[in-house]
Protein backbone atom coordinates (compact mmCIF):
# COMPACT_ATOMS: atom_id res chain seq x y z
CA MET A 1 -0.02 -0.05 -0.02
CA PRO A 2 1.80 3.07 -1.17
CA GLY A 3 1.59 6.44 0.76
CA ARG A 4 1.85 5.03 4.31
CA HIS A 5 2.98 6.86 7.31
CA LEU A 6 5.94 4.39 8.31
CA LEU A 7 7.14 3.87 11.65
CA TRP A 8 10.71 2.26 11.16
CA LEU A 9 11.43 0.60 14.42
CA ARG A 10 14.91 -0.47 15.38
CA ASP A 11 16.18 -0.39 18.92
CA ASP A 12 13.13 1.54 20.19
CA LEU A 13 10.51 -1.50 20.66
CA ARG A 14 8.04 0.59 22.85
CA LEU A 15 4.88 2.75 22.93
CA HIS A 16 5.72 4.91 25.65
CA ASP A 17 8.40 7.80 25.38
CA ASN A 18 8.64 7.02 21.70
CA ASN A 19 9.61 10.06 19.80
CA ALA A 20 9.46 8.47 16.20
CA LEU A 21 5.76 7.37 17.02
CA ALA A 22 4.99 10.53 18.33
CA ALA A 23 6.32 12.26 15.20
CA LEU A 24 3.35 10.52 13.40
CA ALA A 25 0.56 11.42 15.68
CA GLY A 26 -2.71 12.04 13.81
CA THR A 27 -1.91 9.73 10.88
CA ASP A 28 -2.66 6.20 9.92
CA ILE A 29 0.45 4.34 10.95
CA THR A 30 2.15 1.33 9.71
CA ALA A 31 4.98 -0.23 11.79
CA LEU A 32 7.89 -2.06 10.24
CA TYR A 33 10.91 -3.96 11.83
CA ILE A 34 13.68 -4.97 9.45
CA VAL A 35 16.35 -7.75 10.22
CA GLU A 36 18.89 -5.97 8.46
CA SER A 37 21.51 -7.86 6.27
CA THR A 38 23.72 -4.75 6.56
CA ALA A 39 24.10 -4.97 10.33
CA ARG A 40 26.15 -7.31 12.63
CA PRO A 41 24.19 -10.63 12.82
CA LEU A 42 22.59 -10.74 16.23
CA GLY A 43 23.78 -13.50 18.70
CA ALA A 44 21.55 -16.36 19.63
CA ALA A 45 20.60 -14.93 23.01
CA SER A 46 19.91 -11.49 21.49
CA ARG A 47 17.68 -13.16 18.58
CA TRP A 48 15.60 -14.82 21.26
CA TRP A 49 14.91 -11.76 23.19
CA LEU A 50 14.03 -9.97 19.84
CA HIS A 51 11.67 -12.61 18.73
CA HIS A 52 9.56 -12.20 22.14
CA SER A 53 10.06 -8.55 22.14
CA LEU A 54 8.44 -8.09 18.63
CA ASN A 55 5.58 -10.56 19.66
CA ALA A 56 5.06 -8.49 22.60
CA LEU A 57 5.14 -5.09 20.67
CA ALA A 58 2.92 -6.40 18.12
CA LYS A 59 0.02 -7.12 20.49
CA ASP A 60 0.58 -3.67 22.15
CA LEU A 61 0.28 -1.93 18.82
CA ALA A 62 -2.70 -3.97 17.77
CA ASP A 63 -4.58 -2.09 20.60
CA PHE A 64 -4.08 0.90 18.49
CA ASP A 65 -4.95 -0.86 15.21
CA ILE A 66 -1.46 -0.38 14.12
CA PRO A 67 0.01 -3.42 12.01
CA LEU A 68 3.57 -4.41 12.42
CA TYR A 69 5.49 -5.91 9.14
CA VAL A 70 8.61 -7.75 9.75
CA ARG A 71 10.92 -8.11 6.88
CA ALA A 72 14.64 -9.30 6.39
CA GLY A 73 17.35 -7.76 3.95
CA ASP A 74 18.65 -4.58 2.93
CA PRO A 75 16.74 -1.81 4.57
CA ARG A 76 17.32 0.52 1.27
CA GLU A 77 15.36 -1.79 -0.70
CA ILE A 78 12.56 -2.85 1.89
CA ILE A 79 11.83 0.99 2.93
CA SER A 80 11.73 1.88 -0.82
CA SER A 81 9.17 -1.07 -1.53
CA PHE A 82 6.71 0.39 1.08
CA GLN A 83 6.68 3.87 -0.80
CA PRO A 84 5.99 5.84 2.38
CA ARG A 85 4.45 9.35 2.42
CA THR A 86 6.10 9.79 5.80
CA LEU A 87 8.90 7.88 7.51
CA ALA A 88 9.95 8.39 11.06
CA PHE A 89 12.80 6.66 12.89
CA HIS A 90 15.20 7.25 15.88
CA ARG A 91 18.57 8.27 14.81
CA ARG A 92 21.50 5.87 14.97
CA TYR A 93 25.03 6.54 15.53
CA HIS A 94 27.40 3.73 14.22
CA GLN A 95 28.56 2.71 10.73
CA PRO A 96 27.51 1.60 8.33
CA LEU A 97 23.91 1.97 9.72
CA GLN A 98 24.25 5.82 10.12
CA GLU A 99 25.34 6.11 6.46
CA ILE A 100 22.26 3.93 5.38
CA ASP A 101 19.90 5.98 7.36
CA GLU A 102 21.20 9.16 5.62
CA GLU A 103 21.16 7.47 2.18
CA ILE A 104 17.51 6.30 2.68
CA SER A 105 16.56 9.83 4.18
CA ALA A 106 18.13 11.82 1.14
CA SER A 107 16.50 9.35 -1.49
CA LEU A 108 13.08 9.71 0.05
CA LYS A 109 13.15 13.50 0.56
CA ALA A 110 14.10 13.74 -3.29
CA SER A 111 10.95 11.97 -4.21
CA GLY A 112 8.81 14.18 -1.77
CA THR A 113 8.66 12.01 1.36
CA THR A 114 8.63 13.66 4.72
CA VAL A 115 11.29 12.03 6.96
CA HIS A 116 11.50 12.45 10.79
CA ALA A 117 14.92 11.38 12.14
CA VAL A 118 14.49 11.97 16.01
CA GLU A 119 16.48 11.80 18.99
CA GLY A 120 15.67 9.31 21.81
CA PHE A 121 18.16 6.43 21.80
CA LEU A 122 20.79 8.13 24.01
CA LEU A 123 20.74 10.60 26.80
CA GLY A 124 22.80 13.12 24.74
CA GLU A 125 23.70 13.39 21.10
CA PRO A 126 27.22 12.58 20.17
CA ASP A 127 27.70 15.78 18.11
CA GLU A 128 26.55 18.08 21.00
CA VAL A 129 28.25 16.41 23.90
CA LEU A 130 31.83 18.04 23.17
CA THR A 131 34.74 19.51 24.62
CA THR A 132 35.32 23.17 24.70
CA ASN A 133 37.47 22.79 21.59
CA GLY A 134 34.74 20.92 19.72
CA THR A 135 36.09 17.33 20.12
CA TYR A 136 34.78 14.20 21.43
CA TYR A 137 35.54 13.16 24.97
CA ARG A 138 37.88 10.34 25.50
CA VAL A 139 37.68 10.19 29.30
CA PHE A 140 34.35 9.34 31.14
CA THR A 141 34.56 11.81 34.21
CA PRO A 142 34.57 15.09 32.18
CA PHE A 143 32.26 13.36 29.60
CA SER A 144 29.46 12.64 32.21
CA ARG A 145 29.67 16.24 33.68
CA ARG A 146 29.28 17.74 30.13
CA LEU A 147 26.52 15.15 29.33
CA ALA A 148 24.51 16.05 32.49
CA GLU A 149 24.31 19.44 31.28
CA HIS A 150 22.57 18.20 27.93
CA ILE A 151 19.95 15.87 29.79
CA ASP A 152 16.40 17.33 29.65
CA PRO A 153 15.08 17.29 33.07
CA THR A 154 11.51 17.31 32.21
CA PRO A 155 9.56 13.97 32.15
CA PRO A 156 9.54 11.77 28.64
CA LEU A 157 6.56 11.82 26.71
CA GLY A 158 4.31 9.18 28.00
CA ALA A 159 2.05 7.02 25.61
CA PRO A 160 1.02 9.13 22.57
CA THR A 161 -2.50 9.08 21.06
CA VAL A 162 -2.09 6.96 17.76
CA ARG A 163 -4.24 5.13 15.12
CA GLY A 164 -3.48 2.69 12.17
CA GLU A 165 -5.11 0.76 9.54
CA GLY A 166 -6.31 -2.38 11.13
CA VAL A 167 -4.17 -5.51 12.37
CA ARG A 168 -3.74 -9.21 11.65
CA LEU A 169 -1.59 -10.50 14.40
CA GLU A 170 -1.19 -13.93 12.93
CA ARG A 171 0.61 -12.55 9.83
CA THR A 172 2.96 -10.69 12.06
CA ARG A 173 3.65 -13.79 14.23
CA ALA A 174 4.32 -15.69 11.36
CA GLU A 175 6.84 -13.17 9.82
CA ILE A 176 8.65 -13.02 13.33
CA ASP A 177 8.96 -16.85 13.11
CA GLU A 178 10.15 -16.79 9.68
CA HIS A 179 12.79 -14.11 10.28
CA LEU A 180 13.76 -14.82 13.72
CA PRO A 181 13.29 -18.50 14.33
CA LEU A 182 13.85 -19.77 17.89
CA GLU A 183 16.51 -22.52 18.83
CA PRO A 184 15.19 -25.36 21.22
CA TRP A 185 18.09 -24.50 23.81
CA SER A 186 16.64 -21.09 24.11
CA ASP A 187 13.68 -22.24 26.00
CA LYS A 188 15.67 -21.98 29.20
CA LEU A 189 15.66 -18.14 28.91
CA ASN A 190 11.94 -18.04 29.58
CA GLN A 191 12.72 -18.81 33.28
CA HIS A 192 14.58 -15.58 33.78
CA TRP A 193 13.28 -12.80 31.60
CA THR A 194 10.18 -11.04 30.29
CA PRO A 195 10.82 -9.37 27.23
CA GLY A 196 8.73 -6.37 26.07
CA GLU A 197 7.86 -2.98 27.24
CA LYS A 198 5.63 -4.14 30.03
CA GLY A 199 8.46 -6.48 31.27
CA ALA A 200 10.76 -3.30 31.16
CA HIS A 201 8.38 -1.25 33.32
CA ILE A 202 7.95 -4.10 35.80
CA ALA A 203 11.79 -4.17 36.16
CA LEU A 204 11.94 -0.69 36.68
CA LYS A 205 9.12 -0.68 39.35
CA ARG A 206 10.78 -3.61 41.25
CA PHE A 207 14.37 -1.73 41.18
CA ASP A 208 15.32 -0.23 44.61
CA PRO A 209 18.23 2.39 44.39
CA ALA A 210 18.84 1.47 48.09
CA ASP A 211 19.60 -2.25 47.17
CA TYR A 212 21.73 -0.96 44.35
CA GLU A 213 23.83 1.08 46.71
CA HIS A 214 24.56 -1.76 49.07
CA ASP A 215 24.26 -4.91 46.87
CA ARG A 216 25.35 -4.08 43.07
CA ASP A 217 28.70 -5.80 43.60
CA ILE A 218 27.20 -9.02 45.24
CA PRO A 219 26.47 -11.50 42.47
CA ALA A 220 24.15 -13.57 44.58
CA ARG A 221 21.79 -10.70 45.26
CA ARG A 222 19.44 -8.72 42.89
CA GLY A 223 20.90 -5.53 43.84
CA THR A 224 21.20 -4.39 40.04
CA SER A 225 18.18 -3.16 37.88
CA ARG A 226 18.39 -5.80 35.25
CA LEU A 227 17.31 -3.23 32.79
CA SER A 228 20.20 -3.72 30.51
CA PRO A 229 18.31 -5.92 27.90
CA HIS A 230 15.28 -3.71 27.99
CA LEU A 231 17.41 -0.69 27.27
CA ARG A 232 19.39 -2.51 24.56
CA PHE A 233 16.22 -3.12 22.62
CA GLY A 234 14.60 0.23 23.40
CA GLU A 235 11.61 -1.26 25.41
CA ILE A 236 12.18 1.62 27.71
CA ALA A 237 13.54 5.03 27.04
CA PRO A 238 16.96 5.88 28.77
CA GLN A 239 15.21 9.19 29.59
CA ARG A 240 12.47 7.43 31.41
CA VAL A 241 15.07 5.47 33.71
CA TRP A 242 17.09 8.57 34.27
CA HIS A 243 13.82 10.52 35.24
CA ASP A 244 12.29 7.68 37.57
CA VAL A 245 15.71 6.77 39.20
CA ASP A 246 17.25 9.55 41.32
CA ASP A 247 20.23 7.95 42.29
CA PRO A 248 23.72 9.29 41.37
CA GLY A 249 25.52 5.99 41.37
CA PHE A 250 23.03 4.36 38.88
CA ARG A 251 22.89 7.45 36.70
CA ARG A 252 26.38 7.21 36.19
CA GLN A 253 25.82 3.75 34.82
CA LEU A 254 23.39 4.98 32.34
CA MET A 255 26.05 7.61 31.28
CA TRP A 256 28.50 5.07 30.89
CA ARG A 257 26.26 3.64 28.27
CA ASP A 258 26.15 6.78 26.41
CA PHE A 259 29.81 7.06 26.78
CA ALA A 260 30.22 3.78 24.99
CA TRP A 261 28.01 4.89 22.16
CA HIS A 262 29.67 8.23 21.76
CA ARG A 263 33.11 6.67 21.30
CA LEU A 264 31.66 4.06 18.70
CA HIS A 265 30.40 7.16 16.85
CA HIS A 266 33.81 8.40 16.78
CA ARG A 267 35.49 5.08 16.42
CA PRO A 268 33.64 2.98 14.02
CA HIS A 269 36.12 0.11 14.20
CA LEU A 270 35.69 -0.09 17.81
CA ARG A 271 34.91 -4.09 17.61
CA THR A 272 38.12 -4.97 15.59
CA GLU A 273 40.76 -2.50 16.50
CA ASN A 274 42.64 -1.62 19.53
CA VAL A 275 42.04 1.78 20.70
CA ARG A 276 45.53 2.17 22.05
CA SER A 277 47.79 1.14 19.11
CA GLU A 278 50.50 -0.06 21.34
CA PHE A 279 48.43 -3.03 21.87
CA ASN A 280 48.72 -4.06 18.44
CA ARG A 281 52.17 -5.39 19.53
CA PHE A 282 50.74 -7.25 22.47
CA PRO A 283 51.39 -10.89 22.18
CA TRP A 284 47.77 -12.01 22.45
CA ARG A 285 46.74 -15.77 21.92
CA TRP A 286 44.51 -16.90 19.08
CA PRO A 287 42.95 -20.30 18.73
CA LYS A 288 45.62 -21.41 16.37
CA ASP A 289 48.33 -21.05 18.94
CA PRO A 290 49.27 -23.97 21.10
CA GLY A 291 46.75 -24.88 23.59
CA ALA A 292 44.68 -21.49 22.96
CA ALA A 293 41.70 -23.35 21.56
CA GLU A 294 41.29 -25.74 24.54
CA ASP A 295 41.67 -22.79 26.96
CA LEU A 296 39.04 -20.95 25.08
CA ARG A 297 36.64 -23.72 25.35
CA ALA A 298 37.23 -24.40 28.93
CA TRP A 299 36.44 -20.56 29.67
CA GLN A 300 33.30 -20.62 27.36
CA ARG A 301 32.04 -23.83 29.10
CA GLY A 302 32.92 -22.84 32.73
CA GLU A 303 35.56 -25.35 33.23
CA THR A 304 38.62 -23.51 34.06
CA GLY A 305 39.02 -24.95 37.54
CA ILE A 306 38.66 -21.42 39.02
CA ALA A 307 35.25 -21.40 41.02
CA LEU A 308 34.03 -17.71 40.44
CA VAL A 309 35.12 -17.83 36.75
CA ASP A 310 33.17 -21.11 36.23
CA ALA A 311 30.19 -19.91 38.01
CA GLY A 312 30.01 -16.70 35.96
CA MET A 313 30.25 -18.56 32.69
CA ARG A 314 27.52 -21.02 33.65
CA GLU A 315 25.29 -18.14 34.75
CA LEU A 316 25.74 -16.75 31.46
CA TRP A 317 25.18 -19.89 29.50
CA ALA A 318 21.99 -20.75 31.49
CA THR A 319 20.40 -17.15 31.62
CA GLY A 320 21.90 -14.97 28.87
CA TYR A 321 23.13 -12.80 31.61
CA GLN A 322 26.16 -12.32 33.83
CA HIS A 323 26.49 -9.93 36.83
CA ASN A 324 28.54 -6.82 36.09
CA ARG A 325 31.31 -7.49 38.59
CA VAL A 326 31.41 -11.14 37.38
CA ARG A 327 31.88 -9.81 33.72
CA MET A 328 34.93 -7.81 34.64
CA ILE A 329 36.40 -10.91 36.58
CA THR A 330 35.72 -13.36 33.62
CA ALA A 331 36.98 -10.82 30.99
CA SER A 332 39.98 -10.10 33.03
CA PHE A 333 40.86 -13.88 33.55
CA LEU A 334 40.43 -14.40 29.65
CA THR A 335 42.53 -11.52 28.52
CA LYS A 336 45.24 -11.55 31.20
CA ASN A 337 45.66 -14.92 33.01
CA LEU A 338 44.74 -16.74 29.77
CA ARG A 339 46.20 -13.96 27.42
CA LEU A 340 43.61 -14.69 24.71
CA HIS A 341 42.64 -11.95 22.46
CA TRP A 342 39.79 -9.72 23.74
CA ARG A 343 37.91 -10.11 20.54
CA LEU A 344 37.30 -13.83 21.27
CA GLY A 345 35.57 -12.84 24.53
CA GLU A 346 33.62 -10.03 22.86
CA GLN A 347 32.22 -12.61 20.25
CA TRP A 348 31.27 -15.02 22.90
CA PHE A 349 29.33 -12.46 24.97
CA TRP A 350 27.85 -11.21 21.73
CA ASP A 351 26.53 -14.71 21.12
CA THR A 352 25.37 -15.43 24.61
CA LEU A 353 24.11 -12.21 26.30
CA VAL A 354 20.58 -10.95 26.00
CA ASP A 355 21.77 -7.26 26.50
CA ALA A 356 24.83 -7.44 23.88
CA ASP A 357 24.97 -4.20 21.80
CA ASP A 358 27.23 -2.77 19.17
CA ALA A 359 28.91 -0.26 21.56
CA SER A 360 28.83 -1.50 25.08
CA ASN A 361 30.09 -4.90 24.22
CA PRO A 362 33.45 -4.07 22.49
CA PHE A 363 33.77 -0.80 24.48
CA ASN A 364 33.76 -2.79 27.88
CA TRP A 365 35.90 -5.53 26.63
CA GLN A 366 38.48 -3.13 25.52
CA TRP A 367 38.07 -1.39 28.88
CA VAL A 368 38.94 -4.70 30.83
CA ALA A 369 41.74 -5.54 28.53
CA GLY A 370 43.48 -2.42 29.06
CA CYS A 371 43.49 -1.33 25.42
CA GLY A 372 40.42 1.03 25.20
CA ASP A 373 39.37 4.45 26.04
CA ASP A 374 39.70 5.43 29.81
CA ALA A 375 40.50 1.79 30.27
CA ALA A 376 41.63 0.19 33.50
CA PRO A 377 45.29 -0.03 33.38
CA TYR A 378 46.43 -3.33 32.00
CA PHE A 379 48.22 -4.14 35.30
CA ARG A 380 44.88 -4.06 37.07
CA ILE A 381 44.31 -7.76 37.00
CA PHE A 382 41.33 -9.18 38.91
CA ASN A 383 42.27 -12.08 41.11
CA PRO A 384 39.06 -14.34 41.18
CA VAL A 385 39.80 -15.93 44.53
CA THR A 386 40.35 -12.72 46.29
CA GLN A 387 37.15 -11.24 44.50
CA ALA A 388 35.20 -14.00 45.48
CA ARG A 389 36.20 -13.81 49.32
CA ARG A 390 35.25 -10.19 49.03
CA PHE A 391 31.97 -10.26 46.96
CA ASP A 392 30.72 -14.00 47.47
CA ARG A 393 31.57 -14.36 51.25
CA ASP A 394 28.67 -16.80 51.96
CA GLU A 395 29.45 -18.75 48.78
CA ARG A 396 25.80 -18.50 47.65
CA TYR A 397 26.70 -17.52 44.00
CA ARG A 398 29.41 -20.21 43.50
CA ARG A 399 27.55 -23.02 45.23
CA ARG A 400 24.52 -22.25 42.84
CA TRP A 401 26.48 -22.19 39.61
CA ALA A 402 29.78 -24.43 40.52
CA PRO A 403 28.75 -26.67 43.32
CA GLU A 404 31.31 -29.18 42.71
CA PHE A 405 34.02 -27.00 44.29
CA PHE A 406 32.41 -27.36 47.74
CA ASP A 407 32.25 -30.34 50.07
CA GLY A 408 29.46 -32.78 49.61
CA ALA A 409 29.28 -32.21 45.99
CA GLU A 410 28.53 -35.35 43.64
CA SER A 411 31.54 -34.65 41.33
CA GLU A 412 35.03 -33.09 41.75
CA ALA A 413 36.15 -29.80 40.64
CA PRO A 414 38.59 -29.81 37.68
CA GLU A 415 42.10 -28.59 38.28
CA PRO A 416 42.83 -25.00 37.41
CA ILE A 417 43.98 -24.74 33.69
CA VAL A 418 46.39 -21.99 34.75
CA ASP A 419 48.18 -20.77 37.79
CA LEU A 420 46.81 -17.36 38.84
CA ARG A 421 50.05 -15.88 40.14
CA GLU A 422 52.36 -17.21 37.29
CA SER A 423 49.97 -16.23 34.69
CA ARG A 424 49.64 -12.73 36.31
CA ALA A 425 53.32 -12.31 36.11
CA GLU A 426 53.54 -13.41 32.44
CA ALA A 427 50.92 -11.01 31.55
CA LEU A 428 52.79 -8.11 33.25
CA ALA A 429 55.97 -9.16 31.41
CA ALA A 430 54.38 -9.12 27.99
CA TYR A 431 52.85 -5.65 28.79
CA ASP A 432 56.08 -4.41 30.00
CA LEU A 433 57.79 -5.56 26.70
CA ILE A 434 55.20 -3.56 24.50
CA LYS A 435 55.81 -0.51 26.81
CA ARG A 436 59.44 -0.43 26.22
CA SER A 437 59.18 -1.07 22.52
């Protein structure tokens, strides 16, 4: 049907606080989601989340008689085939997707289509949160101060009044099944998550900043918000979370998310290139190196013989999630004790995390590995044994996910695949070499 008022959904799968949807208010709206061939293919856990999130959104849109179409392929061809009279979408900030959006916009405008490219994915726009010299920030603390000046203190939009042309949910569900088929193993994720906008608002309502202040580093407790996958798919707007959670520590985490996206905007090859070029000379191990493939597999399966590392990797496989402190510990172990390249860990997290996104995933891996922007110094090597004593004192987390390390277990724990002290010394020696060279 030519002449549609088309809402192009991407990582903004919500009705509330949706600036692109608001831009089409008063029109007969058609919604479209594209599984883009021009984007990095989603990992299995993210595909599971997206499958269920789109189904939830299709049902919510149906309450307003707005149909949702799901397609797969090149968005330049698919958008053109809809022949929209009006197109609205939230801006994107990484390549090649940003260039594709600009190409689509220019082509449609030339043919008389009205295009609304709106803000709402981040707390602040990358081309506005700049230093006094007009350059991008590379250090988080001054970035966060400037970003705070750009955050709108007024409440977000809420739910706009919209209408559409009528709905056939069966068609939409069939299209989701076709383009985002579920894998049998993913059923286990249903026990831990409720994808969709309603699930996001339930998680926000349950979150207590007081718990975050005291328990955020304790992996056995639910001190964190668990909003990250909802934010990743835009089931809730970051502005809504910022407005509703008046806690400086938690808001700092929201700004860290923005920082990752601002850095990706400036460094489009963040996923494949070390930010700090001296690490191009670092002797990372790859699977082709002796013993490296076996070490990588042991790490992925949670069979390293290090209780906290194994617990974290099993939590990840079972739930599509890993506690933030444990993410730092498992990543440090991979990149420093095993000296495997951070890109191997980034790819595994991309495949297994429900909240993996194009910016935060590589940005945080480079941060832990010591080769990224404002990174933790390379010589900061997390010791998983001392970390367990400090943050899992009652052993609840390790006993849940790695019970074989404790008395009375039915099976014995494997021997450690690496000596923590020796591997730390070897990592520091390798780092010293690239510093001196």
